Amino acid sequence: MTELKIAPQNPANGPVAAAVLACGFGCFALGVLSVAGDGSKSVAAALNFYNPTGTLSGVTTVAIAIWLVCWAVLAIRWRNKIVAFGKISAIAFLLLASSLLLTFPPFGDLLLGR
């Protein structure tokens, strides 16, 4: 006869929440870096990792690095925790909406005073 294992009632949702929030941070970093690259020649030069693509190569590379680092740190910190997933999702959605706004050229130009 096999033994049945009962799953816990409230499993830890920390790793999933970490992934969702890290996505929000990565998207927001993409928006901020794209505006910064458009507004400053020194930032644009620092983000130019590959000449044929210009600053886009650095913006996306750094944003992906920020996403991965945030995901790793949050996943380790929230490994066995139960977090308020609704609040985490709302924060991630606000970061995503902000990044969408920042990558919209007329809004970026407005921020840069053009």
Protein backbone atom coordinates (compact mmCIF):
# COMPACT_ATOMS: atom_id res chain seq x y z
CA MET A 1 0.00 0.00 0.00
CA THR A 2 1.33 3.42 -0.91
CA GLU A 3 1.41 6.31 1.46
CA LEU A 4 -0.46 9.48 0.53
CA LYS A 5 1.30 12.78 1.06
CA ILE A 6 -0.84 15.78 1.87
CA ALA A 7 0.24 19.08 0.35
CA PRO A 8 0.45 22.05 2.72
CA GLN A 9 -2.56 24.35 2.78
CA ASN A 10 -0.59 27.53 2.11
CA PRO A 11 2.50 26.75 0.05
CA ALA A 12 5.14 29.43 -0.21
CA ASN A 13 4.40 31.82 -3.07
CA GLY A 14 7.59 33.85 -2.60
CA PRO A 15 9.50 32.51 -5.61
CA VAL A 16 6.58 33.23 -7.94
CA ALA A 17 6.11 36.71 -6.48
CA ALA A 18 9.85 37.29 -6.88
CA ALA A 19 9.62 36.47 -10.59
CA VAL A 20 6.65 38.79 -11.10
CA LEU A 21 8.19 41.73 -9.23
CA ALA A 22 11.58 41.23 -10.92
CA CYS A 23 9.84 41.50 -14.30
CA GLY A 24 8.39 44.83 -13.21
CA PHE A 25 11.81 46.08 -12.12
CA GLY A 26 13.43 44.93 -15.36
CA CYS A 27 10.80 46.64 -17.49
CA PHE A 28 11.07 49.84 -15.48
CA ALA A 29 14.86 49.77 -15.84
CA LEU A 30 14.41 49.46 -19.61
CA GLY A 31 12.22 52.59 -19.65
CA VAL A 32 14.53 54.62 -17.43
CA LEU A 33 17.63 53.61 -19.38
CA SER A 34 16.02 54.39 -22.72
CA VAL A 35 15.12 57.92 -21.59
CA ALA A 36 18.56 58.38 -20.02
CA GLY A 37 20.26 57.19 -23.20
CA ASP A 38 18.24 59.63 -25.28
CA GLY A 39 18.85 62.52 -22.93
CA SER A 40 22.55 62.29 -22.19
CA LYS A 41 25.43 61.82 -24.61
CA SER A 42 27.65 60.35 -21.91
CA VAL A 43 25.00 57.80 -20.89
CA ALA A 44 24.40 56.99 -24.55
CA ALA A 45 28.12 56.42 -25.06
CA ALA A 46 28.29 54.19 -21.97
CA LEU A 47 25.32 52.14 -23.21
CA ASN A 48 26.72 51.69 -26.72
CA PHE A 49 27.93 48.08 -26.43
CA TYR A 50 27.67 47.32 -30.16
CA ASN A 51 27.98 50.11 -32.74
CA PRO A 52 25.47 48.88 -35.36
CA THR A 53 22.65 48.93 -32.80
CA GLY A 54 23.80 51.93 -30.79
CA THR A 55 22.46 52.52 -27.28
CA LEU A 56 19.76 49.89 -27.68
CA SER A 57 22.36 47.16 -27.15
CA GLY A 58 23.34 48.53 -23.76
CA VAL A 59 19.83 49.47 -22.68
CA THR A 60 18.50 45.97 -23.23
CA THR A 61 21.58 44.24 -21.83
CA VAL A 62 21.59 46.27 -18.62
CA ALA A 63 17.81 45.92 -18.20
CA ILE A 64 18.08 42.14 -18.55
CA ALA A 65 20.93 42.08 -16.03
CA ILE A 66 18.85 44.12 -13.57
CA TRP A 67 15.90 41.75 -14.08
CA LEU A 68 18.05 38.67 -13.41
CA VAL A 69 19.76 40.15 -10.35
CA CYS A 70 16.43 41.29 -8.86
CA TRP A 71 14.90 37.89 -9.55
CA ALA A 72 17.81 36.06 -7.90
CA VAL A 73 17.91 38.29 -4.82
CA LEU A 74 14.15 38.27 -4.28
CA ALA A 75 13.86 34.52 -4.90
CA ILE A 76 16.52 33.83 -2.28
CA ARG A 77 14.95 36.23 0.25
CA TRP A 78 11.39 34.97 -0.33
CA ARG A 79 12.27 31.29 -0.85
CA ASN A 80 10.02 29.91 1.92
CA LYS A 81 7.76 32.91 2.50
CA ILE A 82 4.14 33.61 1.84
CA VAL A 83 3.89 37.16 0.52
CA ALA A 84 0.93 39.38 -0.38
CA PHE A 85 0.75 38.40 -4.02
CA GLY A 86 -1.95 40.95 -4.83
CA LYS A 87 0.22 43.83 -3.66
CA ILE A 88 3.27 42.45 -5.46
CA SER A 89 1.26 42.10 -8.66
CA ALA A 90 -0.08 45.66 -8.34
CA ILE A 91 3.43 47.06 -7.85
CA ALA A 92 4.73 45.04 -10.81
CA PHE A 93 1.85 46.29 -12.97
CA LEU A 94 2.58 49.92 -11.99
CA LEU A 95 6.24 49.44 -12.86
CA LEU A 96 5.26 47.88 -16.19
CA ALA A 97 2.82 50.71 -16.97
CA SER A 98 5.49 53.28 -16.06
CA SER A 99 8.00 51.61 -18.33
CA LEU A 100 5.51 51.60 -21.18
CA LEU A 101 4.99 55.32 -20.65
CA LEU A 102 8.74 55.97 -20.49
CA THR A 103 9.35 54.18 -23.79
CA PHE A 104 6.66 56.24 -25.53
CA PRO A 105 8.73 58.86 -27.43
CA PRO A 106 6.48 61.91 -26.87
CA PHE A 107 6.50 61.30 -23.11
CA GLY A 108 10.28 60.80 -23.09
CA ASP A 109 10.71 64.03 -25.02
CA LEU A 110 8.44 65.80 -22.53
CA LEU A 111 10.60 64.56 -19.64
CA LEU A 112 13.74 65.68 -21.44
CA GLY A 113 12.31 69.15 -22.14
CA ARG A 114 12.24 68.84 -25.92
